[in-house]
C-alpha atoms as a PDB file:
ATOM      1  CA  UNK A   1      96.942  26.058 119.071  1.00  0.00           C
ATOM      2  CA  UNK A   2      99.198  29.009 119.724  1.00  0.00           C
ATOM      3  CA  UNK A   3     102.216  26.875 120.642  1.00  0.00           C
ATOM      4  CA  UNK A   4     102.689  25.582 117.075  1.00  0.00           C
ATOM      5  CA  UNK A   5     103.557  28.470 114.767  1.00  0.00           C
ATOM      6  CA  UNK A   6     103.431  26.304 111.641  1.00  0.00           C
ATOM      7  CA  UNK A   7      99.929  25.131 112.525  1.00  0.00           C
ATOM      8  CA  UNK A   8      98.593  28.479 113.684  1.00  0.00           C
ATOM      9  CA  UNK A   9      97.319  29.375 110.247  1.00  0.00           C
ATOM     10  CA  UNK A  10      95.214  26.238 110.269  1.00  0.00           C
ATOM     11  CA  UNK A  11      93.345  27.007 113.486  1.00  0.00           C
ATOM     12  CA  UNK A  12      89.909  28.560 113.205  1.00  0.00           C
ATOM     13  CA  UNK A  13      86.461  27.493 114.305  1.00  0.00           C
ATOM     14  CA  UNK A  14      86.209  23.822 115.104  1.00  0.00           C
ATOM     15  CA  UNK A  15      82.491  24.292 115.442  1.00  0.00           C
ATOM     16  CA  UNK A  16      82.168  26.355 112.282  1.00  0.00           C
ATOM     17  CA  UNK A  17      79.117  25.430 110.200  1.00  0.00           C
ATOM     18  CA  UNK A  18      80.029  24.949 106.538  1.00  0.00           C
ATOM     19  CA  UNK A  19      77.684  26.773 104.179  1.00  0.00           C
ATOM     20  CA  UNK A  20      77.508  25.933 100.500  1.00  0.00           C
ATOM     21  CA  UNK A  21      76.372  29.446  99.697  1.00  0.00           C
ATOM     22  CA  UNK A  22      74.890  32.317 101.657  1.00  0.00           C
ATOM     23  CA  UNK A  23      72.276  32.541  98.913  1.00  0.00           C
ATOM     24  CA  UNK A  24      71.068  28.943  99.356  1.00  0.00           C
ATOM     25  CA  UNK A  25      68.254  28.533 101.876  1.00  0.00           C
ATOM     26  CA  UNK A  26      68.942  25.534 104.143  1.00  0.00           C
ATOM     27  CA  UNK A  27      66.402  22.942 105.261  1.00  0.00           C
ATOM     28  CA  UNK A  28      65.887  21.236 108.645  1.00  0.00           C
ATOM     29  CA  UNK A  29      68.317  18.366 109.152  1.00  0.00           C
ATOM     30  CA  UNK A  30      69.503  15.761 111.653  1.00  0.00           C
ATOM     31  CA  UNK A  31      72.712  13.739 111.418  1.00  0.00           C
ATOM     32  CA  UNK A  32      74.643  11.124 113.389  1.00  0.00           C
ATOM     33  CA  UNK A  33      78.201   9.991 112.735  1.00  0.00           C
ATOM     34  CA  UNK A  34      80.797   7.600 114.117  1.00  0.00           C
ATOM     35  CA  UNK A  35      84.543   8.163 113.820  1.00  0.00           C
ATOM     36  CA  UNK A  36      87.330   5.667 114.526  1.00  0.00           C
ATOM     37  CA  UNK A  37      91.078   6.239 114.725  1.00  0.00           C
ATOM     38  CA  UNK A  38      92.980   2.936 115.193  1.00  0.00           C
ATOM     39  CA  UNK A  39      95.627   2.532 117.889  1.00  0.00           C
ATOM     40  CA  UNK A  40      98.644   4.707 117.217  1.00  0.00           C
ATOM     41  CA  UNK A  41     101.976   5.058 119.026  1.00  0.00           C
ATOM     42  CA  UNK A  42     103.509   8.330 120.154  1.00  0.00           C
ATOM     43  CA  UNK A  43     105.772  10.149 117.703  1.00  0.00           C
ATOM     44  CA  UNK A  44     108.235  11.139 120.450  1.00  0.00           C
ATOM     45  CA  UNK A  45     107.424   8.963 123.483  1.00  0.00           C
ATOM     46  CA  UNK A  46     108.720   9.674 126.947  1.00  0.00           C
ATOM     47  CA  UNK A  47     110.515   6.957 128.888  1.00  0.00           C
ATOM     48  CA  UNK A  48     108.194   4.050 129.567  1.00  0.00           C
ATOM     49  CA  UNK A  49     105.774   4.922 126.765  1.00  0.00           C
ATOM     50  CA  UNK A  50     107.726   3.504 123.818  1.00  0.00           C
ATOM     51  CA  UNK A  51     104.996   0.887 123.283  1.00  0.00           C
ATOM     52  CA  UNK A  52     102.129   3.040 124.520  1.00  0.00           C
ATOM     53  CA  UNK A  53      99.189   3.439 122.137  1.00  0.00           C
ATOM     54  CA  UNK A  54      95.901   5.359 122.069  1.00  0.00           C
ATOM     55  CA  UNK A  55      92.781   4.380 120.133  1.00  0.00           C
ATOM     56  CA  UNK A  56      90.080   7.022 119.733  1.00  0.00           C
ATOM     57  CA  UNK A  57      86.390   6.629 118.905  1.00  0.00           C
ATOM     58  CA  UNK A  58      83.827   9.409 118.680  1.00  0.00           C
ATOM     59  CA  UNK A  59      80.092   9.737 118.185  1.00  0.00           C
ATOM     60  CA  UNK A  60      78.602  13.046 117.035  1.00  0.00           C
ATOM     61  CA  UNK A  61      75.002  14.230 116.830  1.00  0.00           C
ATOM     62  CA  UNK A  62      73.764  17.354 115.065  1.00  0.00           C
ATOM     63  CA  UNK A  63      70.363  18.931 114.452  1.00  0.00           C
ATOM     64  CA  UNK A  64      69.596  22.214 112.696  1.00  0.00           C
ATOM     65  CA  UNK A  65      66.474  24.204 111.963  1.00  0.00           C
ATOM     66  CA  UNK A  66      66.233  27.302 109.701  1.00  0.00           C
ATOM     67  CA  UNK A  67      63.850  30.242 109.830  1.00  0.00           C
ATOM     68  CA  UNK A  68      63.429  32.597 106.873  1.00  0.00           C
ATOM     69  CA  UNK A  69      62.518  36.281 107.268  1.00  0.00           C
ATOM     70  CA  UNK A  70      62.145  39.418 105.125  1.00  0.00           C
ATOM     71  CA  UNK A  71      60.932  37.551 102.034  1.00  0.00           C
ATOM     72  CA  UNK A  72      63.988  35.336 101.974  1.00  0.00           C
ATOM     73  CA  UNK A  73      66.601  38.043 102.582  1.00  0.00           C
ATOM     74  CA  UNK A  74      67.378  36.901 106.130  1.00  0.00           C
ATOM     75  CA  UNK A  75      67.905  33.318 107.261  1.00  0.00           C
ATOM     76  CA  UNK A  76      68.426  32.292 110.892  1.00  0.00           C
ATOM     77  CA  UNK A  77      69.762  28.765 111.424  1.00  0.00           C
ATOM     78  CA  UNK A  78      69.832  27.296 114.925  1.00  0.00           C
ATOM     79  CA  UNK A  79      72.010  24.207 115.308  1.00  0.00           C
ATOM     80  CA  UNK A  80      72.723  21.889 118.232  1.00  0.00           C
ATOM     81  CA  UNK A  81      75.937  19.799 118.250  1.00  0.00           C
ATOM     82  CA  UNK A  82      77.094  17.111 120.668  1.00  0.00           C
ATOM     83  CA  UNK A  83      80.189  14.888 120.575  1.00  0.00           C
ATOM     84  CA  UNK A  84      81.352  12.054 122.850  1.00  0.00           C
ATOM     85  CA  UNK A  85      84.984  11.025 122.422  1.00  0.00           C
ATOM     86  CA  UNK A  86      86.555   7.906 124.000  1.00  0.00           C
ATOM     87  CA  UNK A  87      90.319   7.512 124.474  1.00  0.00           C
ATOM     88  CA  UNK A  88      91.424   3.893 124.958  1.00  0.00           C
ATOM     89  CA  UNK A  89      94.967   3.464 126.314  1.00  0.00           C
ATOM     90  CA  UNK A  90      97.139   0.342 125.984  1.00  0.00           C
ATOM     91  CA  UNK A  91     100.719  -0.629 126.916  1.00  0.00           C
ATOM     92  CA  UNK A  92     101.074   2.301 129.329  1.00  0.00           C
ATOM     93  CA  UNK A  93     102.646   0.214 132.074  1.00  0.00           C
ATOM     94  CA  UNK A  94     102.447   2.017 135.405  1.00  0.00           C
ATOM     95  CA  UNK A  95     102.119   5.485 133.860  1.00  0.00           C
ATOM     96  CA  UNK A  96      98.830   7.157 134.718  1.00  0.00           C
ATOM     97  CA  UNK A  97      96.487   7.779 131.818  1.00  0.00           C
ATOM     98  CA  UNK A  98      95.144  11.303 131.589  1.00  0.00           C
ATOM     99  CA  UNK A  99      91.620  11.406 130.187  1.00  0.00           C
ATOM    100  CA  UNK A 100      89.387   8.456 129.261  1.00  0.00           C
ATOM    101  CA  UNK A 101      86.283  10.150 127.838  1.00  0.00           C
ATOM    102  CA  UNK A 102      85.437  13.747 127.012  1.00  0.00           C
ATOM    103  CA  UNK A 103      82.291  15.521 125.905  1.00  0.00           C
ATOM    104  CA  UNK A 104      81.556  18.718 124.008  1.00  0.00           C
ATOM    105  CA  UNK A 105      78.358  20.477 123.000  1.00  0.00           C
ATOM    106  CA  UNK A 106      77.474  23.812 121.468  1.00  0.00           C
ATOM    107  CA  UNK A 107      74.512  25.822 120.277  1.00  0.00           C
ATOM    108  CA  UNK A 108      75.116  27.675 117.023  1.00  0.00           C
ATOM    109  CA  UNK A 109      73.142  30.723 115.928  1.00  0.00           C
ATOM    110  CA  UNK A 110      73.892  31.625 112.304  1.00  0.00           C
ATOM    111  CA  UNK A 111      72.382  34.628 110.525  1.00  0.00           C
ATOM    112  CA  UNK A 112      72.688  35.169 106.771  1.00  0.00           C
ATOM    113  CA  UNK A 113      71.383  38.510 105.476  1.00  0.00           C
ATOM    114  CA  UNK A 114      71.341  39.672 101.854  1.00  0.00           C
ATOM    115  CA  UNK A 115      72.685  43.226 101.710  1.00  0.00           C
ATOM    116  CA  UNK A 116      72.404  43.729  97.961  1.00  0.00           C
ATOM    117  CA  UNK A 117      72.268  41.805  94.695  1.00  0.00           C
ATOM    118  CA  UNK A 118      75.890  40.751  95.159  1.00  0.00           C
ATOM    119  CA  UNK A 119      76.721  41.076  98.858  1.00  0.00           C
ATOM    120  CA  UNK A 120      75.550  39.176 101.944  1.00  0.00           C
ATOM    121  CA  UNK A 121      76.472  39.242 105.619  1.00  0.00           C
ATOM    122  CA  UNK A 122      77.188  36.071 107.598  1.00  0.00           C
ATOM    123  CA  UNK A 123      77.282  36.169 111.402  1.00  0.00           C
ATOM    124  CA  UNK A 124      77.627  33.319 113.900  1.00  0.00           C
ATOM    125  CA  UNK A 125      77.599  33.034 117.703  1.00  0.00           C
ATOM    126  CA  UNK A 126      78.518  29.661 119.250  1.00  0.00           C
ATOM    127  CA  UNK A 127      78.235  29.208 123.025  1.00  0.00           C
ATOM    128  CA  UNK A 128      79.171  25.743 124.300  1.00  0.00           C
ATOM    129  CA  UNK A 129      81.156  23.615 126.714  1.00  0.00           C
ATOM    130  CA  UNK A 130      83.877  20.945 126.571  1.00  0.00           C
ATOM    131  CA  UNK A 131      84.716  18.797 129.589  1.00  0.00           C
ATOM    132  CA  UNK A 132      85.317  15.309 130.967  1.00  0.00           C
ATOM    133  CA  UNK A 133      82.072  15.896 132.949  1.00  0.00           C
ATOM    134  CA  UNK A 134      83.449  14.064 135.990  1.00  0.00           C
ATOM    135  CA  UNK A 135      82.059  16.787 138.207  1.00  0.00           C
ATOM    136  CA  UNK A 136      79.412  19.499 137.929  1.00  0.00           C
ATOM    137  CA  UNK A 137      79.875  22.067 135.163  1.00  0.00           C
ATOM    138  CA  UNK A 138      81.728  25.231 136.151  1.00  0.00           C
ATOM    139  CA  UNK A 139      82.456  28.483 134.319  1.00  0.00           C
ATOM    140  CA  UNK A 140      85.814  27.164 133.029  1.00  0.00           C
ATOM    141  CA  UNK A 141      83.962  24.465 131.084  1.00  0.00           C
ATOM    142  CA  UNK A 142      82.106  27.062 129.025  1.00  0.00           C
ATOM    143  CA  UNK A 143      83.326  28.521 125.733  1.00  0.00           C
ATOM    144  CA  UNK A 144      82.256  31.088 123.185  1.00  0.00           C
ATOM    145  CA  UNK A 145      83.098  31.400 119.499  1.00  0.00           C
ATOM    146  CA  UNK A 146      81.991  33.929 116.900  1.00  0.00           C
ATOM    147  CA  UNK A 147      82.394  34.801 113.240  1.00  0.00           C
ATOM    148  CA  UNK A 148      81.482  37.782 111.071  1.00  0.00           C
ATOM    149  CA  UNK A 149      82.060  37.693 107.313  1.00  0.00           C
ATOM    150  CA  UNK A 150      80.962  39.467 104.146  1.00  0.00           C
ATOM    151  CA  UNK A 151      80.162  37.281 101.127  1.00  0.00           C
ATOM    152  CA  UNK A 152      80.120  38.385  97.480  1.00  0.00           C
ATOM    153  CA  UNK A 153      78.465  36.401  94.679  1.00  0.00           C
ATOM    154  CA  UNK A 154      80.602  37.126  91.633  1.00  0.00           C
ATOM    155  CA  UNK A 155      78.542  34.820  89.419  1.00  0.00           C
ATOM    156  CA  UNK A 156      76.237  31.808  89.822  1.00  0.00           C
ATOM    157  CA  UNK A 157      79.412  29.713  89.757  1.00  0.00           C
ATOM    158  CA  UNK A 158      81.680  31.634  92.129  1.00  0.00           C
ATOM    159  CA  UNK A 159      81.287  33.182  95.607  1.00  0.00           C
ATOM    160  CA  UNK A 160      83.984  34.570  97.869  1.00  0.00           C
ATOM    161  CA  UNK A 161      84.000  36.158 101.306  1.00  0.00           C
ATOM    162  CA  UNK A 162      86.190  37.633 104.028  1.00  0.00           C
ATOM    163  CA  UNK A 163      85.899  38.490 107.700  1.00  0.00           C
ATOM    164  CA  UNK A 164      87.114  37.519 111.131  1.00  0.00           C
ATOM    165  CA  UNK A 165      86.564  34.832 113.751  1.00  0.00           C
ATOM    166  CA  UNK A 166      87.122  34.434 117.481  1.00  0.00           C
ATOM    167  CA  UNK A 167      87.707  30.854 118.592  1.00  0.00           C
ATOM    168  CA  UNK A 168      88.550  28.720 121.592  1.00  0.00           C
ATOM    169  CA  UNK A 169      88.317  25.581 119.476  1.00  0.00           C
ATOM    170  CA  UNK A 170      92.011  24.772 119.594  1.00  0.00           C
ATOM    171  CA  UNK A 171      92.989  26.342 122.879  1.00  0.00           C
ATOM    172  CA  UNK A 172      93.224  29.866 124.243  1.00  0.00           C
ATOM    173  CA  UNK A 173      90.763  32.266 122.597  1.00  0.00           C
ATOM    174  CA  UNK A 174      92.139  34.644 119.980  1.00  0.00           C
ATOM    175  CA  UNK A 175      90.966  36.181 116.663  1.00  0.00           C
ATOM    176  CA  UNK A 176      91.636  34.901 113.127  1.00  0.00           C
ATOM    177  CA  UNK A 177      90.994  36.106 109.589  1.00  0.00           C
ATOM    178  CA  UNK A 178      88.421  34.221 107.522  1.00  0.00           C
ATOM    179  CA  UNK A 179      88.496  33.657 103.752  1.00  0.00           C
ATOM    180  CA  UNK A 180      85.726  31.705 102.013  1.00  0.00           C
ATOM    181  CA  UNK A 181      85.888  30.547  98.370  1.00  0.00           C
ATOM    182  CA  UNK A 182      83.107  28.519  96.724  1.00  0.00           C
ATOM    183  CA  UNK A 183      83.148  27.415  93.080  1.00  0.00           C
ATOM    184  CA  UNK A 184      81.009  25.129  90.932  1.00  0.00           C
ATOM    185  CA  UNK A 185      80.915  24.284  87.231  1.00  0.00           C
ATOM    186  CA  UNK A 186      77.157  24.690  87.025  1.00  0.00           C
ATOM    187  CA  UNK A 187      76.710  20.944  86.656  1.00  0.00           C
ATOM    188  CA  UNK A 188      78.287  18.260  88.780  1.00  0.00           C
ATOM    189  CA  UNK A 189      81.472  19.674  90.374  1.00  0.00           C
ATOM    190  CA  UNK A 190      81.970  22.024  93.310  1.00  0.00           C
ATOM    191  CA  UNK A 191      84.873  23.217  95.445  1.00  0.00           C
ATOM    192  CA  UNK A 192      84.102  24.673  98.893  1.00  0.00           C
ATOM    193  CA  UNK A 193      86.731  26.369 101.071  1.00  0.00           C
ATOM    194  CA  UNK A 194      86.794  28.041 104.466  1.00  0.00           C
ATOM    195  CA  UNK A 195      90.468  28.921 104.492  1.00  0.00           C
ATOM    196  CA  UNK A 196      92.604  27.859 106.078  1.00  0.00           C
ATOM    197  CA  UNK A 197      90.499  25.460 108.130  1.00  0.00           C
ATOM    198  CA  UNK A 198      88.746  23.303 105.508  1.00  0.00           C
ATOM    199  CA  UNK A 199      88.656  22.479 101.808  1.00  0.00           C
ATOM    200  CA  UNK A 200      86.292  20.076 100.020  1.00  0.00           C
ATOM    201  CA  UNK A 201      86.096  19.118  96.343  1.00  0.00           C
ATOM    202  CA  UNK A 202      83.060  17.130  95.154  1.00  0.00           C
ATOM    203  CA  UNK A 203      82.127  15.439  91.876  1.00  0.00           C
ATOM    204  CA  UNK A 204      78.669  13.938  91.238  1.00  0.00           C
ATOM    205  CA  UNK A 205      78.661  11.265  88.504  1.00  0.00           C
ATOM    206  CA  UNK A 206      74.901  10.926  88.988  1.00  0.00           C
ATOM    207  CA  UNK A 207      72.164  12.588  91.115  1.00  0.00           C
ATOM    208  CA  UNK A 208      72.468  10.020  93.923  1.00  0.00           C
ATOM    209  CA  UNK A 209      76.248   9.813  94.281  1.00  0.00           C
ATOM    210  CA  UNK A 210      78.972  12.331  95.187  1.00  0.00           C
ATOM    211  CA  UNK A 211      82.707  11.578  95.332  1.00  0.00           C
ATOM    212  CA  UNK A 212      84.990  13.952  97.183  1.00  0.00           C
ATOM    213  CA  UNK A 213      88.358  14.873  98.634  1.00  0.00           C
ATOM    214  CA  UNK A 214      88.188  16.603 102.018  1.00  0.00           C
ATOM    215  CA  UNK A 215      90.699  18.400 104.216  1.00  0.00           C
ATOM    216  CA  UNK A 216      89.796  19.505 107.724  1.00  0.00           C
ATOM    217  CA  UNK A 217      91.159  20.826 111.001  1.00  0.00           C
ATOM    218  CA  UNK A 218      89.350  19.779 114.156  1.00  0.00           C
ATOM    219  CA  UNK A 219      89.820  19.996 117.889  1.00  0.00           C
ATOM    220  CA  UNK A 220      88.697  21.410 121.206  1.00  0.00           C
ATOM    221  CA  UNK A 221      89.824  22.636 124.616  1.00  0.00           C
ATOM    222  CA  UNK A 222      88.567  20.235 127.293  1.00  0.00           C
ATOM    223  CA  UNK A 223      88.383  21.072 131.004  1.00  0.00           C
ATOM    224  CA  UNK A 224      89.087  18.456 133.661  1.00  0.00           C
ATOM    225  CA  UNK A 225      88.218  17.851 137.310  1.00  0.00           C
ATOM    226  CA  UNK A 226      90.993  19.246 139.600  1.00  0.00           C
ATOM    227  CA  UNK A 227      90.370  16.504 142.183  1.00  0.00           C
ATOM    228  CA  UNK A 228      91.013  13.814 139.542  1.00  0.00           C
ATOM    229  CA  UNK A 229      94.147  15.200 137.869  1.00  0.00           C
ATOM    230  CA  UNK A 230      95.902  16.780 140.842  1.00  0.00           C
ATOM    231  CA  UNK A 231      96.352  20.300 139.422  1.00  0.00           C
ATOM    232  CA  UNK A 232      94.372  23.448 140.064  1.00  0.00           C
ATOM    233  CA  UNK A 233      92.802  23.919 136.613  1.00  0.00           C
ATOM    234  CA  UNK A 234      93.474  20.950 134.273  1.00  0.00           C
ATOM    235  CA  UNK A 235      92.912  21.501 130.540  1.00  0.00           C
ATOM    236  CA  UNK A 236      93.608  19.420 127.432  1.00  0.00           C
ATOM    237  CA  UNK A 237      94.028  20.976 123.993  1.00  0.00           C
ATOM    238  CA  UNK A 238      93.147  18.316 121.411  1.00  0.00           C
ATOM    239  CA  UNK A 239      93.789  18.879 117.691  1.00  0.00           C
ATOM    240  CA  UNK A 240      93.834  16.873 114.465  1.00  0.00           C
ATOM    241  CA  UNK A 241      94.388  17.531 110.771  1.00  0.00           C
ATOM    242  CA  UNK A 242      92.758  15.029 108.404  1.00  0.00           C
ATOM    243  CA  UNK A 243      92.747  14.491 104.647  1.00  0.00           C
ATOM    244  CA  UNK A 244      91.179  11.809 102.478  1.00  0.00           C
ATOM    245  CA  UNK A 245      88.455  10.673 100.067  1.00  0.00           C
ATOM    246  CA  UNK A 246      84.757  10.785 100.871  1.00  0.00           C
ATOM    247  CA  UNK A 247      81.501   9.426  99.465  1.00  0.00           C
ATOM    248  CA  UNK A 248      77.938  10.700  99.843  1.00  0.00           C
ATOM    249  CA  UNK A 249      75.103   8.494  98.626  1.00  0.00           C
ATOM    250  CA  UNK A 250      71.464   9.499  98.642  1.00  0.00           C
ATOM    251  CA  UNK A 251      69.547   6.471  99.906  1.00  0.00           C
ATOM    252  CA  UNK A 252      66.206   8.272  99.591  1.00  0.00           C
ATOM    253  CA  UNK A 253      65.085  11.831  98.992  1.00  0.00           C
ATOM    254  CA  UNK A 254      65.600  12.609 102.702  1.00  0.00           C
ATOM    255  CA  UNK A 255      68.350  10.177 103.786  1.00  0.00           C
ATOM    256  CA  UNK A 256      72.065  10.376 102.931  1.00  0.00           C
ATOM    257  CA  UNK A 257      74.854   7.912 103.716  1.00  0.00           C
ATOM    258  CA  UNK A 258      78.238   9.573 104.305  1.00  0.00           C
ATOM    259  CA  UNK A 259      81.590   7.759 104.264  1.00  0.00           C
ATOM    260  CA  UNK A 260      85.006   9.331 104.788  1.00  0.00           C
ATOM    261  CA  UNK A 261      88.494   8.037 105.456  1.00  0.00           C
ATOM    262  CA  UNK A 262      92.125   8.901 105.026  1.00  0.00           C
ATOM    263  CA  UNK A 263      95.135  10.162 106.962  1.00  0.00           C
ATOM    264  CA  UNK A 264      95.425  11.898 110.321  1.00  0.00           C
ATOM    265  CA  UNK A 265      98.493  14.034 109.649  1.00  0.00           C
ATOM    266  CA  UNK A 266      98.552  15.868 112.985  1.00  0.00           C
ATOM    267  CA  UNK A 267      97.258  14.270 116.197  1.00  0.00           C
ATOM    268  CA  UNK A 268      98.272  16.243 119.260  1.00  0.00           C
ATOM    269  CA  UNK A 269      97.445  16.548 122.965  1.00  0.00           C
ATOM    270  CA  UNK A 270      98.612  19.553 125.021  1.00  0.00           C
ATOM    271  CA  UNK A 271      98.000  19.352 128.767  1.00  0.00           C
ATOM    272  CA  UNK A 272      97.828  22.501 130.903  1.00  0.00           C
ATOM    273  CA  UNK A 273      97.328  23.701 134.426  1.00  0.00           C
ATOM    274  CA  UNK A 274      95.438  26.801 133.301  1.00  0.00           C
ATOM    275  CA  UNK A 275      98.099  28.790 131.351  1.00  0.00           C
ATOM    276  CA  UNK A 276     101.078  26.618 132.342  1.00  0.00           C
ATOM    277  CA  UNK A 277     101.836  23.713 130.023  1.00  0.00           C
ATOM    278  CA  UNK A 278     102.365  20.427 131.818  1.00  0.00           C
ATOM    279  CA  UNK A 279     103.208  18.182 128.865  1.00  0.00           C
ATOM    280  CA  UNK A 280     102.620  17.528 125.155  1.00  0.00           C
ATOM    281  CA  UNK A 281     101.918  14.185 123.507  1.00  0.00           C
ATOM    282  CA  UNK A 282     101.665  13.676 119.735  1.00  0.00           C
ATOM    283  CA  UNK A 283     100.663  10.485 117.949  1.00  0.00           C
ATOM    284  CA  UNK A 284     102.228   9.186 114.756  1.00  0.00           C
ATOM    285  CA  UNK A 285     100.364   9.727 111.497  1.00  0.00           C
ATOM    286  CA  UNK A 286      97.643   7.133 111.112  1.00  0.00           C
ATOM    287  CA  UNK A 287      94.368   6.453 109.368  1.00  0.00           C
ATOM    288  CA  UNK A 288      90.789   7.279 110.235  1.00  0.00           C
ATOM    289  CA  UNK A 289      87.308   6.374 109.094  1.00  0.00           C
ATOM    290  CA  UNK A 290      84.049   8.253 109.556  1.00  0.00           C
ATOM    291  CA  UNK A 291      80.555   6.992 108.715  1.00  0.00           C
ATOM    292  CA  UNK A 292      77.295   8.820 109.161  1.00  0.00           C
ATOM    293  CA  UNK A 293      73.643   9.194 108.242  1.00  0.00           C
ATOM    294  CA  UNK A 294      71.994  12.500 107.413  1.00  0.00           C
ATOM    295  CA  UNK A 295      68.253  13.148 107.379  1.00  0.00           C
ATOM    296  CA  UNK A 296      66.767  16.164 105.598  1.00  0.00           C
ATOM    297  CA  UNK A 297      68.964  19.123 104.695  1.00  0.00           C
END
């Protein structure tokens, strides 16, 4: 989100797939999750919106399938993601609400290739779309994101990497540096970072249970129907920053229950007519909860 200099360092790939290690071969997986953000008032409301609130719910689906080549040196992971997000407005009086429901989907192609005993190459291409889908899809609804990074395994306990990314996830497309840091104690603790977009620390008191602290930046650029919003090329930049505790519990060998909750520190909407900003609305800090089931992986 180029308009916020302080937050610019936090913007990267909203659709970025988190990898525990480029040396770990993934397995096929399917997951579904539900996210709820209770009604929250605006941090700096315009006249007539002092009591206005927005409640947001989202459902996300994801499926991935890996293919291994060259005796395990090359792994291709294909992943499909879909998210439906509902915005429920209250106490808006006569002021028109902007967007009620938005959709996004992408197809991720991730290639991990071992270059040597220590070095690996990670490449990703992510075509997709984000829209209110009130009309037929047009070229403005489509997006493309990419990442290229080199990963070095310093030891079985520590891996780091660097590279660059190109993202439309938080607005206008532009490049970013990528720094990955992954550490584990060889037993029951691990710390995974894709800086500066995400950081996760996990502790496993037993083989079935993991307790964590997670930080994440999320968002998208949604296109709207010009006939509905009265401008030539309506767009909404949506962005959040979340932090809180998380729990992963293995119900069976192939089924995981995931729980997460905490604080939404940044919750912002930027509305545009193509490159011209129309208005900005930010919500006060609030809580969130996310629950999901994962199969395989």
